[in-house]
N, C-alpha and C. Protein backbone atom coordinates (compact mmCIF):
# COMPACT_ATOMS: atom_id res chain seq x y z
N MET A 1 0.82 -1.20 0.00
CA MET A 1 0.00 0.00 0.00
C MET A 1 0.85 1.25 0.00
N PRO A 2 1.88 1.34 0.85
CA PRO A 2 2.71 2.54 0.84
C PRO A 2 3.40 2.72 -0.52
N ASP A 3 3.74 1.57 -1.19
CA ASP A 3 4.41 1.69 -2.49
C ASP A 3 3.50 2.33 -3.53
N SER A 4 2.24 1.94 -3.58
CA SER A 4 1.33 2.52 -4.57
C SER A 4 1.08 3.99 -4.28
N PHE A 5 1.03 4.33 -2.95
CA PHE A 5 0.86 5.73 -2.58
C PHE A 5 2.07 6.55 -3.06
N PHE A 6 3.26 5.96 -2.89
CA PHE A 6 4.49 6.63 -3.30
C PHE A 6 4.51 6.83 -4.83
N LEU A 7 4.10 5.78 -5.58
CA LEU A 7 4.11 5.86 -7.04
C LEU A 7 3.11 6.90 -7.55
N ARG A 8 1.93 6.96 -6.90
CA ARG A 8 0.95 7.98 -7.32
C ARG A 8 1.48 9.38 -7.06
N GLY A 9 2.13 9.55 -5.97
CA GLY A 9 2.70 10.86 -5.63
C GLY A 9 3.80 11.25 -6.60
N LEU A 10 4.63 10.26 -6.94
CA LEU A 10 5.72 10.51 -7.88
C LEU A 10 5.18 10.90 -9.26
N SER A 11 4.14 10.18 -9.74
CA SER A 11 3.58 10.50 -11.04
C SER A 11 2.91 11.87 -11.03
N THR A 12 2.32 12.25 -9.90
CA THR A 12 1.71 13.58 -9.80
C THR A 12 2.78 14.66 -9.87
N VAL A 13 3.89 14.45 -9.16
CA VAL A 13 4.98 15.42 -9.17
C VAL A 13 5.59 15.53 -10.57
N LEU A 14 5.79 14.39 -11.23
CA LEU A 14 6.35 14.41 -12.58
C LEU A 14 5.40 15.11 -13.56
N GLY A 15 4.11 14.81 -13.45
CA GLY A 15 3.13 15.45 -14.31
C GLY A 15 3.10 16.95 -14.11
N PHE A 16 3.17 17.39 -12.83
CA PHE A 16 3.17 18.80 -12.52
C PHE A 16 4.45 19.47 -13.05
N GLY A 17 5.57 18.75 -12.97
CA GLY A 17 6.84 19.27 -13.48
C GLY A 17 6.79 19.45 -15.00
N LEU A 18 6.22 18.48 -15.69
CA LEU A 18 6.08 18.60 -17.15
C LEU A 18 5.18 19.76 -17.52
N LEU A 19 4.11 19.93 -16.76
CA LEU A 19 3.19 21.03 -17.01
C LEU A 19 3.90 22.37 -16.86
N LEU A 20 4.69 22.50 -15.80
CA LEU A 20 5.43 23.75 -15.57
C LEU A 20 6.46 24.01 -16.67
N SER A 21 7.15 22.93 -17.09
CA SER A 21 8.17 23.13 -18.12
C SER A 21 7.55 23.54 -19.45
N SER A 22 6.34 23.07 -19.73
CA SER A 22 5.69 23.46 -20.98
C SER A 22 5.17 24.89 -20.92
N CYS A 23 5.04 25.44 -19.72
CA CYS A 23 4.54 26.82 -19.59
C CYS A 23 5.67 27.83 -19.59
N SER A 24 6.89 27.38 -19.71
CA SER A 24 8.00 28.33 -19.71
C SER A 24 7.91 29.21 -20.96
N SER A 25 8.76 30.20 -21.04
CA SER A 25 8.69 31.17 -22.14
C SER A 25 8.76 30.45 -23.48
N PRO A 26 7.89 30.83 -24.42
CA PRO A 26 7.84 30.14 -25.71
C PRO A 26 9.11 30.40 -26.52
N ALA A 27 9.47 29.40 -27.30
CA ALA A 27 10.62 29.57 -28.19
C ALA A 27 10.25 30.60 -29.26
N ASP A 28 11.24 31.26 -29.77
CA ASP A 28 11.01 32.30 -30.77
C ASP A 28 10.92 31.65 -32.16
N TYR A 29 9.66 31.37 -32.62
CA TYR A 29 9.46 30.75 -33.92
C TYR A 29 9.14 31.81 -34.96
N THR A 30 9.74 31.67 -36.13
CA THR A 30 9.45 32.57 -37.24
C THR A 30 8.79 31.74 -38.34
N PRO A 31 7.62 32.16 -38.80
CA PRO A 31 6.98 31.38 -39.86
C PRO A 31 7.81 31.40 -41.14
N LYS A 32 7.80 30.27 -41.84
CA LYS A 32 8.55 30.19 -43.09
C LYS A 32 7.74 30.87 -44.19
N PRO A 33 8.43 31.53 -45.12
CA PRO A 33 7.70 32.16 -46.23
C PRO A 33 7.09 31.09 -47.12
N LYS A 34 6.01 31.47 -47.82
CA LYS A 34 5.36 30.55 -48.73
C LYS A 34 6.34 30.20 -49.84
N GLY A 35 6.42 28.94 -50.16
CA GLY A 35 7.35 28.53 -51.20
C GLY A 35 6.75 27.44 -52.07
N TYR A 36 7.45 27.11 -53.13
CA TYR A 36 7.01 26.08 -54.05
C TYR A 36 8.09 25.02 -54.17
N ASN A 37 7.67 23.83 -54.59
CA ASN A 37 8.64 22.77 -54.79
C ASN A 37 9.63 23.18 -55.87
N ARG A 38 10.87 22.82 -55.66
CA ARG A 38 11.88 23.12 -56.67
C ARG A 38 11.72 22.13 -57.82
N ILE A 39 11.67 22.66 -59.02
CA ILE A 39 11.52 21.82 -60.20
C ILE A 39 12.71 22.08 -61.11
N ASP A 40 13.57 21.08 -61.23
CA ASP A 40 14.72 21.19 -62.12
C ASP A 40 14.30 20.73 -63.51
N LEU A 41 14.35 21.63 -64.47
CA LEU A 41 13.91 21.31 -65.82
C LEU A 41 15.13 21.14 -66.72
N PRO A 42 15.15 20.09 -67.52
CA PRO A 42 16.31 19.86 -68.40
C PRO A 42 16.35 20.86 -69.55
N ALA A 43 17.52 20.99 -70.15
CA ALA A 43 17.66 21.85 -71.33
C ALA A 43 16.80 21.28 -72.45
N ALA A 44 16.23 22.17 -73.26
CA ALA A 44 15.35 21.74 -74.34
C ALA A 44 16.16 21.13 -75.49
N THR A 45 15.86 19.88 -75.80
CA THR A 45 16.45 19.19 -76.95
C THR A 45 15.30 18.50 -77.68
N TYR A 46 15.42 18.39 -78.99
CA TYR A 46 14.28 17.93 -79.79
C TYR A 46 14.65 16.78 -80.71
N GLN A 47 13.60 16.06 -81.13
CA GLN A 47 13.73 14.96 -82.08
C GLN A 47 12.58 15.03 -83.07
N GLN A 48 12.77 14.41 -84.23
CA GLN A 48 11.76 14.46 -85.30
C GLN A 48 10.71 13.37 -85.07
N LEU A 49 9.44 13.73 -85.27
CA LEU A 49 8.36 12.76 -85.23
C LEU A 49 8.56 11.78 -86.38
N GLY A 50 8.39 10.49 -86.09
CA GLY A 50 8.58 9.46 -87.10
C GLY A 50 7.50 9.49 -88.18
N PRO A 51 7.67 8.64 -89.20
CA PRO A 51 6.71 8.60 -90.31
C PRO A 51 5.39 7.96 -89.86
N GLY A 52 4.42 8.00 -90.75
CA GLY A 52 3.15 7.34 -90.46
C GLY A 52 1.99 8.31 -90.25
N HIS A 53 2.28 9.62 -90.22
CA HIS A 53 1.24 10.62 -90.04
C HIS A 53 1.28 11.62 -91.20
N PRO A 54 0.17 12.30 -91.47
CA PRO A 54 0.17 13.30 -92.55
C PRO A 54 0.80 14.62 -92.12
N TYR A 55 1.53 14.61 -91.04
CA TYR A 55 2.23 15.79 -90.52
C TYR A 55 3.52 15.32 -89.85
N THR A 56 4.44 16.24 -89.69
CA THR A 56 5.66 15.95 -88.95
C THR A 56 6.07 17.22 -88.21
N PHE A 57 6.80 17.06 -87.12
CA PHE A 57 7.31 18.20 -86.35
C PHE A 57 8.39 17.69 -85.42
N GLU A 58 9.08 18.61 -84.79
CA GLU A 58 10.07 18.25 -83.78
C GLU A 58 9.41 18.36 -82.42
N TYR A 59 9.68 17.37 -81.55
CA TYR A 59 9.13 17.39 -80.19
C TYR A 59 10.24 17.08 -79.20
N SER A 60 9.98 17.35 -77.95
CA SER A 60 10.99 17.23 -76.90
C SER A 60 11.51 15.80 -76.73
N GLN A 61 12.81 15.68 -76.48
CA GLN A 61 13.40 14.38 -76.17
C GLN A 61 12.99 13.90 -74.78
N GLN A 62 12.39 14.77 -73.99
CA GLN A 62 11.89 14.39 -72.67
C GLN A 62 10.50 13.73 -72.76
N ALA A 63 9.93 13.72 -73.96
CA ALA A 63 8.55 13.25 -74.14
C ALA A 63 8.50 11.96 -74.96
N LYS A 64 7.36 11.27 -74.81
CA LYS A 64 7.08 10.06 -75.59
C LYS A 64 5.85 10.33 -76.45
N VAL A 65 5.82 9.74 -77.63
CA VAL A 65 4.63 9.83 -78.49
C VAL A 65 3.78 8.59 -78.21
N LEU A 66 2.55 8.84 -77.79
CA LEU A 66 1.61 7.75 -77.51
C LEU A 66 0.38 7.90 -78.40
N ARG A 67 -0.14 6.79 -78.86
CA ARG A 67 -1.36 6.83 -79.66
C ARG A 67 -2.52 7.18 -78.75
N ASP A 68 -3.43 8.02 -79.21
CA ASP A 68 -4.62 8.37 -78.44
C ASP A 68 -5.51 7.13 -78.37
N SER A 69 -5.80 6.68 -77.15
CA SER A 69 -6.56 5.44 -76.99
C SER A 69 -8.03 5.69 -76.63
N SER A 70 -8.48 6.94 -76.67
CA SER A 70 -9.88 7.21 -76.34
C SER A 70 -10.80 6.64 -77.43
N TYR A 71 -12.03 6.36 -77.08
CA TYR A 71 -12.95 5.74 -78.04
C TYR A 71 -13.30 6.68 -79.20
N LEU A 72 -13.09 7.99 -79.04
CA LEU A 72 -13.37 8.95 -80.09
C LEU A 72 -12.19 9.16 -81.05
N ALA A 73 -11.05 8.59 -80.70
CA ALA A 73 -9.81 8.90 -81.42
C ALA A 73 -9.86 8.53 -82.89
N GLN A 74 -9.31 9.41 -83.69
CA GLN A 74 -9.13 9.21 -85.13
C GLN A 74 -7.73 8.65 -85.36
N PRO A 75 -7.43 8.15 -86.56
CA PRO A 75 -6.14 7.49 -86.79
C PRO A 75 -4.89 8.31 -86.46
N HIS A 76 -4.91 9.62 -86.64
CA HIS A 76 -3.69 10.40 -86.45
C HIS A 76 -3.74 11.30 -85.22
N TRP A 77 -4.51 10.87 -84.22
CA TRP A 77 -4.55 11.57 -82.93
C TRP A 77 -3.48 10.94 -82.03
N ILE A 78 -2.63 11.79 -81.48
CA ILE A 78 -1.54 11.30 -80.63
C ILE A 78 -1.43 12.16 -79.38
N ASN A 79 -0.66 11.66 -78.43
CA ASN A 79 -0.33 12.40 -77.21
C ASN A 79 1.18 12.54 -77.14
N ILE A 80 1.64 13.75 -76.88
CA ILE A 80 3.05 13.98 -76.59
C ILE A 80 3.12 14.04 -75.07
N TYR A 81 3.57 12.93 -74.47
CA TYR A 81 3.50 12.76 -73.02
C TYR A 81 4.87 12.93 -72.38
N TYR A 82 4.93 13.77 -71.33
CA TYR A 82 6.15 14.01 -70.56
C TYR A 82 6.03 13.22 -69.25
N PRO A 83 6.62 12.02 -69.16
CA PRO A 83 6.43 11.20 -67.97
C PRO A 83 6.90 11.87 -66.68
N ARG A 84 8.04 12.53 -66.74
CA ARG A 84 8.61 13.14 -65.54
C ARG A 84 7.78 14.32 -65.04
N LEU A 85 7.19 15.07 -65.97
CA LEU A 85 6.42 16.26 -65.62
C LEU A 85 4.93 15.99 -65.51
N GLN A 86 4.51 14.79 -65.87
CA GLN A 86 3.09 14.41 -65.91
C GLN A 86 2.28 15.40 -66.76
N ALA A 87 2.89 15.82 -67.85
CA ALA A 87 2.25 16.75 -68.78
C ALA A 87 1.91 16.00 -70.07
N ASN A 88 0.84 16.41 -70.70
CA ASN A 88 0.39 15.75 -71.90
C ASN A 88 -0.12 16.78 -72.90
N VAL A 89 0.43 16.76 -74.12
CA VAL A 89 -0.08 17.61 -75.19
C VAL A 89 -0.90 16.69 -76.10
N GLN A 90 -2.21 16.88 -76.08
CA GLN A 90 -3.09 16.07 -76.92
C GLN A 90 -3.16 16.69 -78.31
N ILE A 91 -2.82 15.91 -79.31
CA ILE A 91 -2.83 16.37 -80.70
C ILE A 91 -3.99 15.68 -81.43
N THR A 92 -4.81 16.48 -82.09
CA THR A 92 -5.85 15.92 -82.96
C THR A 92 -5.62 16.44 -84.37
N TYR A 93 -5.94 15.60 -85.33
CA TYR A 93 -5.74 15.95 -86.73
C TYR A 93 -6.96 15.48 -87.53
N MET A 94 -7.43 16.34 -88.40
CA MET A 94 -8.54 15.96 -89.29
C MET A 94 -8.21 16.40 -90.72
N PRO A 95 -8.39 15.49 -91.68
CA PRO A 95 -8.26 15.91 -93.08
C PRO A 95 -9.52 16.67 -93.49
N ILE A 96 -9.36 17.79 -94.16
CA ILE A 96 -10.52 18.61 -94.53
C ILE A 96 -11.07 18.23 -95.90
N LYS A 97 -10.19 17.83 -96.82
CA LYS A 97 -10.57 17.41 -98.17
C LYS A 97 -11.40 18.47 -98.90
N GLN A 98 -11.01 19.72 -98.71
CA GLN A 98 -11.65 20.87 -99.36
C GLN A 98 -13.15 20.98 -99.08
N ASP A 99 -13.54 20.47 -97.92
CA ASP A 99 -14.94 20.53 -97.49
C ASP A 99 -15.11 21.77 -96.61
N LYS A 100 -15.67 22.82 -97.17
CA LYS A 100 -15.80 24.11 -96.47
C LYS A 100 -16.68 23.97 -95.22
N LYS A 101 -17.72 23.16 -95.30
CA LYS A 101 -18.61 22.95 -94.15
C LYS A 101 -17.86 22.28 -93.00
N LEU A 102 -17.06 21.25 -93.32
CA LEU A 102 -16.26 20.57 -92.31
C LEU A 102 -15.23 21.53 -91.71
N PHE A 103 -14.59 22.32 -92.58
CA PHE A 103 -13.61 23.30 -92.10
C PHE A 103 -14.23 24.25 -91.08
N ASN A 104 -15.41 24.80 -91.39
CA ASN A 104 -16.09 25.73 -90.46
C ASN A 104 -16.48 25.04 -89.16
N LYS A 105 -16.89 23.77 -89.25
CA LYS A 105 -17.25 23.02 -88.04
C LYS A 105 -16.02 22.80 -87.15
N LEU A 106 -14.88 22.46 -87.76
CA LEU A 106 -13.65 22.25 -86.99
C LEU A 106 -13.19 23.54 -86.31
N LEU A 107 -13.31 24.66 -87.02
CA LEU A 107 -12.98 25.96 -86.41
C LEU A 107 -13.88 26.25 -85.21
N GLU A 108 -15.17 26.03 -85.40
CA GLU A 108 -16.14 26.27 -84.33
C GLU A 108 -15.88 25.35 -83.13
N ASP A 109 -15.59 24.07 -83.40
CA ASP A 109 -15.29 23.12 -82.32
C ASP A 109 -14.05 23.52 -81.54
N ALA A 110 -13.01 23.99 -82.25
CA ALA A 110 -11.77 24.41 -81.58
C ALA A 110 -12.04 25.57 -80.63
N ARG A 111 -12.85 26.50 -81.07
CA ARG A 111 -13.18 27.66 -80.21
C ARG A 111 -14.07 27.24 -79.04
N LYS A 112 -15.01 26.33 -79.28
CA LYS A 112 -15.89 25.85 -78.21
C LYS A 112 -15.09 25.12 -77.13
N LEU A 113 -14.12 24.30 -77.56
CA LEU A 113 -13.31 23.55 -76.60
C LEU A 113 -12.49 24.47 -75.71
N THR A 114 -12.04 25.59 -76.27
CA THR A 114 -11.32 26.57 -75.45
C THR A 114 -12.29 27.32 -74.55
N ALA A 115 -13.42 27.73 -75.10
CA ALA A 115 -14.41 28.51 -74.33
C ALA A 115 -15.00 27.70 -73.18
N LYS A 116 -14.97 26.38 -73.30
CA LYS A 116 -15.50 25.50 -72.25
C LYS A 116 -14.81 25.76 -70.90
N HIS A 117 -13.59 26.29 -70.94
CA HIS A 117 -12.81 26.53 -69.72
C HIS A 117 -13.08 27.91 -69.11
N GLN A 118 -13.96 28.71 -69.72
CA GLN A 118 -14.23 30.07 -69.22
C GLN A 118 -14.76 30.08 -67.80
N ILE A 119 -15.43 29.02 -67.38
CA ILE A 119 -16.01 28.97 -66.04
C ILE A 119 -14.92 29.12 -64.98
N LYS A 120 -13.77 28.44 -65.19
CA LYS A 120 -12.68 28.48 -64.20
C LYS A 120 -11.56 29.43 -64.58
N ALA A 121 -11.50 29.84 -65.83
CA ALA A 121 -10.39 30.68 -66.28
C ALA A 121 -10.55 32.12 -65.79
N SER A 122 -9.46 32.69 -65.29
CA SER A 122 -9.48 34.11 -64.92
C SER A 122 -9.20 34.98 -66.14
N ALA A 123 -8.58 34.37 -67.17
CA ALA A 123 -8.32 35.09 -68.43
C ALA A 123 -8.00 34.08 -69.52
N ILE A 124 -8.38 34.42 -70.75
CA ILE A 124 -8.00 33.64 -71.92
C ILE A 124 -7.39 34.63 -72.92
N ASP A 125 -6.09 34.50 -73.15
CA ASP A 125 -5.38 35.38 -74.07
C ASP A 125 -5.17 34.66 -75.39
N GLU A 126 -5.63 35.29 -76.46
CA GLU A 126 -5.49 34.70 -77.79
C GLU A 126 -4.42 35.47 -78.56
N SER A 127 -3.57 34.74 -79.24
CA SER A 127 -2.57 35.37 -80.10
C SER A 127 -2.38 34.51 -81.34
N VAL A 128 -1.66 35.04 -82.31
CA VAL A 128 -1.41 34.33 -83.55
C VAL A 128 0.10 34.22 -83.74
N ILE A 129 0.54 33.01 -84.05
CA ILE A 129 1.96 32.77 -84.34
C ILE A 129 2.08 32.58 -85.85
N LYS A 130 2.96 33.35 -86.46
CA LYS A 130 3.25 33.14 -87.89
C LYS A 130 4.37 32.11 -87.97
N MET A 131 4.07 31.00 -88.59
CA MET A 131 5.01 29.89 -88.66
C MET A 131 5.90 30.01 -89.90
N PRO A 132 7.11 29.45 -89.86
CA PRO A 132 8.05 29.60 -90.97
C PRO A 132 7.51 29.13 -92.32
N GLY A 133 6.64 28.10 -92.32
CA GLY A 133 6.12 27.58 -93.58
C GLY A 133 5.02 28.45 -94.19
N GLY A 134 4.69 29.58 -93.56
CA GLY A 134 3.67 30.47 -94.09
C GLY A 134 2.31 30.31 -93.43
N LEU A 135 2.11 29.22 -92.68
CA LEU A 135 0.85 29.04 -91.95
C LEU A 135 0.83 29.91 -90.71
N ARG A 136 -0.35 30.07 -90.16
CA ARG A 136 -0.52 30.78 -88.89
C ARG A 136 -1.19 29.83 -87.90
N ALA A 137 -0.83 29.97 -86.64
CA ALA A 137 -1.46 29.17 -85.58
C ALA A 137 -2.15 30.11 -84.60
N ALA A 138 -3.38 29.79 -84.26
CA ALA A 138 -4.09 30.51 -83.20
C ALA A 138 -3.73 29.83 -81.89
N VAL A 139 -3.27 30.64 -80.93
CA VAL A 139 -2.79 30.13 -79.65
C VAL A 139 -3.62 30.76 -78.53
N PHE A 140 -4.04 29.94 -77.57
CA PHE A 140 -4.86 30.40 -76.45
C PHE A 140 -4.15 30.05 -75.15
N GLU A 141 -3.83 31.08 -74.35
CA GLU A 141 -3.22 30.87 -73.04
C GLU A 141 -4.29 31.13 -71.99
N LEU A 142 -4.54 30.13 -71.14
CA LEU A 142 -5.60 30.21 -70.14
C LEU A 142 -4.98 30.37 -68.76
N SER A 143 -5.48 31.34 -68.00
CA SER A 143 -4.99 31.59 -66.64
C SER A 143 -6.04 31.14 -65.64
N GLY A 144 -5.58 30.82 -64.42
CA GLY A 144 -6.50 30.37 -63.38
C GLY A 144 -6.39 28.86 -63.20
N GLU A 145 -7.25 28.31 -62.36
CA GLU A 145 -7.21 26.87 -62.06
C GLU A 145 -8.00 26.11 -63.12
N VAL A 146 -7.45 26.06 -64.31
CA VAL A 146 -8.09 25.39 -65.44
C VAL A 146 -7.36 24.08 -65.73
N PRO A 147 -8.07 23.08 -66.28
CA PRO A 147 -7.40 21.81 -66.58
C PRO A 147 -6.45 21.90 -67.78
N SER A 148 -6.70 22.84 -68.69
CA SER A 148 -5.83 23.01 -69.85
C SER A 148 -5.35 24.46 -69.88
N GLN A 149 -4.03 24.66 -69.83
CA GLN A 149 -3.48 26.00 -69.72
C GLN A 149 -3.06 26.58 -71.07
N PHE A 150 -3.02 25.75 -72.10
CA PHE A 150 -2.49 26.20 -73.39
C PHE A 150 -3.15 25.37 -74.49
N GLN A 151 -3.75 26.04 -75.47
CA GLN A 151 -4.39 25.35 -76.59
C GLN A 151 -4.04 26.06 -77.88
N PHE A 152 -4.12 25.34 -78.99
CA PHE A 152 -3.75 25.93 -80.27
C PHE A 152 -4.40 25.16 -81.41
N TYR A 153 -4.46 25.81 -82.56
CA TYR A 153 -4.81 25.10 -83.79
C TYR A 153 -4.18 25.82 -84.97
N THR A 154 -3.96 25.05 -86.03
CA THR A 154 -3.48 25.61 -87.29
C THR A 154 -4.09 24.82 -88.43
N THR A 155 -4.23 25.47 -89.56
CA THR A 155 -4.85 24.84 -90.72
C THR A 155 -4.42 25.54 -92.00
N ASP A 156 -4.43 24.78 -93.08
CA ASP A 156 -4.21 25.42 -94.40
C ASP A 156 -5.56 25.73 -95.05
N SER A 157 -6.64 25.44 -94.36
CA SER A 157 -8.04 25.73 -94.72
C SER A 157 -8.60 24.89 -95.87
N THR A 158 -7.78 24.03 -96.46
CA THR A 158 -8.29 23.18 -97.55
C THR A 158 -8.04 21.69 -97.32
N THR A 159 -6.93 21.35 -96.67
CA THR A 159 -6.54 19.94 -96.57
C THR A 159 -6.32 19.45 -95.15
N HIS A 160 -5.71 20.27 -94.29
CA HIS A 160 -5.29 19.82 -92.96
C HIS A 160 -5.85 20.71 -91.85
N PHE A 161 -6.26 20.06 -90.74
CA PHE A 161 -6.64 20.80 -89.53
C PHE A 161 -5.95 20.12 -88.36
N PHE A 162 -5.10 20.87 -87.66
CA PHE A 162 -4.21 20.35 -86.61
C PHE A 162 -4.47 21.13 -85.33
N ARG A 163 -4.85 20.44 -84.27
CA ARG A 163 -5.20 21.11 -83.01
C ARG A 163 -4.50 20.41 -81.84
N GLY A 164 -4.21 21.19 -80.79
CA GLY A 164 -3.58 20.60 -79.61
C GLY A 164 -3.99 21.32 -78.33
N ALA A 165 -3.85 20.60 -77.22
CA ALA A 165 -4.16 21.16 -75.89
C ALA A 165 -3.22 20.54 -74.87
N LEU A 166 -2.74 21.36 -73.96
CA LEU A 166 -1.84 20.92 -72.89
C LEU A 166 -2.65 20.60 -71.64
N TYR A 167 -2.40 19.43 -71.06
CA TYR A 167 -3.04 19.02 -69.81
C TYR A 167 -1.98 18.46 -68.87
N PHE A 168 -2.26 18.53 -67.58
CA PHE A 168 -1.38 17.93 -66.58
C PHE A 168 -2.14 16.86 -65.83
N ARG A 169 -1.49 15.73 -65.60
CA ARG A 169 -2.10 14.63 -64.84
C ARG A 169 -1.70 14.74 -63.38
N THR A 170 -2.02 15.86 -62.78
CA THR A 170 -1.68 16.10 -61.38
C THR A 170 -2.67 17.07 -60.78
N ALA A 171 -2.84 17.00 -59.47
CA ALA A 171 -3.76 17.91 -58.78
C ALA A 171 -3.04 19.17 -58.29
N THR A 172 -1.77 19.33 -58.62
CA THR A 172 -1.00 20.50 -58.17
C THR A 172 -1.60 21.78 -58.74
N ALA A 173 -1.64 22.82 -57.92
CA ALA A 173 -2.20 24.11 -58.36
C ALA A 173 -1.36 24.69 -59.51
N ASN A 174 -2.04 25.39 -60.41
CA ASN A 174 -1.35 25.93 -61.59
C ASN A 174 -0.26 26.94 -61.25
N ASP A 175 -0.41 27.70 -60.15
CA ASP A 175 0.67 28.65 -59.82
C ASP A 175 1.94 27.91 -59.44
N SER A 176 1.81 26.72 -58.84
CA SER A 176 2.98 25.91 -58.53
C SER A 176 3.58 25.29 -59.79
N LEU A 177 2.72 25.05 -60.78
CA LEU A 177 3.17 24.44 -62.03
C LEU A 177 3.72 25.45 -63.04
N ALA A 178 3.66 26.74 -62.71
CA ALA A 178 4.00 27.79 -63.68
C ALA A 178 5.31 27.54 -64.43
N PRO A 179 6.41 27.16 -63.77
CA PRO A 179 7.65 26.93 -64.53
C PRO A 179 7.52 25.77 -65.52
N VAL A 180 6.78 24.73 -65.13
CA VAL A 180 6.60 23.58 -66.01
C VAL A 180 5.70 23.95 -67.19
N ILE A 181 4.64 24.71 -66.91
CA ILE A 181 3.73 25.17 -67.98
C ILE A 181 4.52 25.97 -69.01
N ASP A 182 5.36 26.91 -68.55
CA ASP A 182 6.17 27.72 -69.46
C ASP A 182 7.13 26.85 -70.27
N TYR A 183 7.72 25.85 -69.61
CA TYR A 183 8.67 24.95 -70.27
C TYR A 183 7.98 24.20 -71.42
N VAL A 184 6.80 23.63 -71.15
CA VAL A 184 6.09 22.86 -72.17
C VAL A 184 5.55 23.79 -73.26
N LYS A 185 5.12 25.00 -72.89
CA LYS A 185 4.64 25.98 -73.89
C LYS A 185 5.73 26.25 -74.93
N LYS A 186 6.98 26.42 -74.46
CA LYS A 186 8.10 26.67 -75.39
C LYS A 186 8.28 25.49 -76.33
N ASP A 187 8.11 24.27 -75.80
CA ASP A 187 8.20 23.08 -76.65
C ASP A 187 7.08 23.07 -77.69
N VAL A 188 5.88 23.48 -77.30
CA VAL A 188 4.75 23.51 -78.24
C VAL A 188 5.00 24.55 -79.33
N VAL A 189 5.51 25.70 -78.96
CA VAL A 189 5.83 26.73 -79.96
C VAL A 189 6.89 26.19 -80.94
N HIS A 190 7.88 25.48 -80.41
CA HIS A 190 8.89 24.86 -81.28
C HIS A 190 8.22 23.84 -82.20
N MET A 191 7.31 23.06 -81.65
CA MET A 191 6.57 22.08 -82.45
C MET A 191 5.85 22.77 -83.61
N LEU A 192 5.17 23.86 -83.31
CA LEU A 192 4.44 24.59 -84.35
C LEU A 192 5.39 25.19 -85.39
N ASN A 193 6.52 25.69 -84.94
CA ASN A 193 7.48 26.30 -85.86
C ASN A 193 8.17 25.27 -86.76
N THR A 194 8.12 23.99 -86.37
CA THR A 194 8.74 22.95 -87.20
C THR A 194 7.68 22.06 -87.87
N LEU A 195 6.40 22.39 -87.69
CA LEU A 195 5.31 21.59 -88.26
C LEU A 195 5.31 21.67 -89.79
N LYS A 196 5.19 20.50 -90.42
CA LYS A 196 5.03 20.43 -91.88
C LYS A 196 3.96 19.40 -92.16
N PHE A 197 3.07 19.73 -93.08
CA PHE A 197 2.07 18.77 -93.52
C PHE A 197 2.63 17.99 -94.70
N ARG A 198 2.24 16.71 -94.77
CA ARG A 198 2.73 15.84 -95.85
C ARG A 198 1.65 15.65 -96.89
């Protein structure tokens, strides 16, 4: 009995001592500034798209070309996938065959697909890139928490219609992804500047 009384007293004293030590003057903590994960991006190097498509261009050596496996996919729809960055540039291609009605529908669809992001986009900036081969590409840069930050299309208006959109397979916020988005955008611009229809 005296032993249990002694142990209870000892635990009370220890508990009280711990309580007092936790009430001592607080350590001087400074909050850390908001930061982002460091993303080391490799130097841009390019390779030529292989044969088998009615178009060719140079794409990043950091990326793989994958066939589009969606049930809607047409024969020359591909994905330029960056495994390390979890980025994907979806490429769609349609032959126009001098069908003016089809051409107008493809133009309208391209604009609708971009406008679909207006709900979440804080801004959509449209610009035109004049490509070395004489074609022009309409480019759309989307700001805000949107699933696609960069979209584009180009056409010769009689034979070829080529469209693409950048997506990321990650839940990371777009402001954290900004360096990666810029990196892939530069690759897409290079792709457009080296695009040739066959």
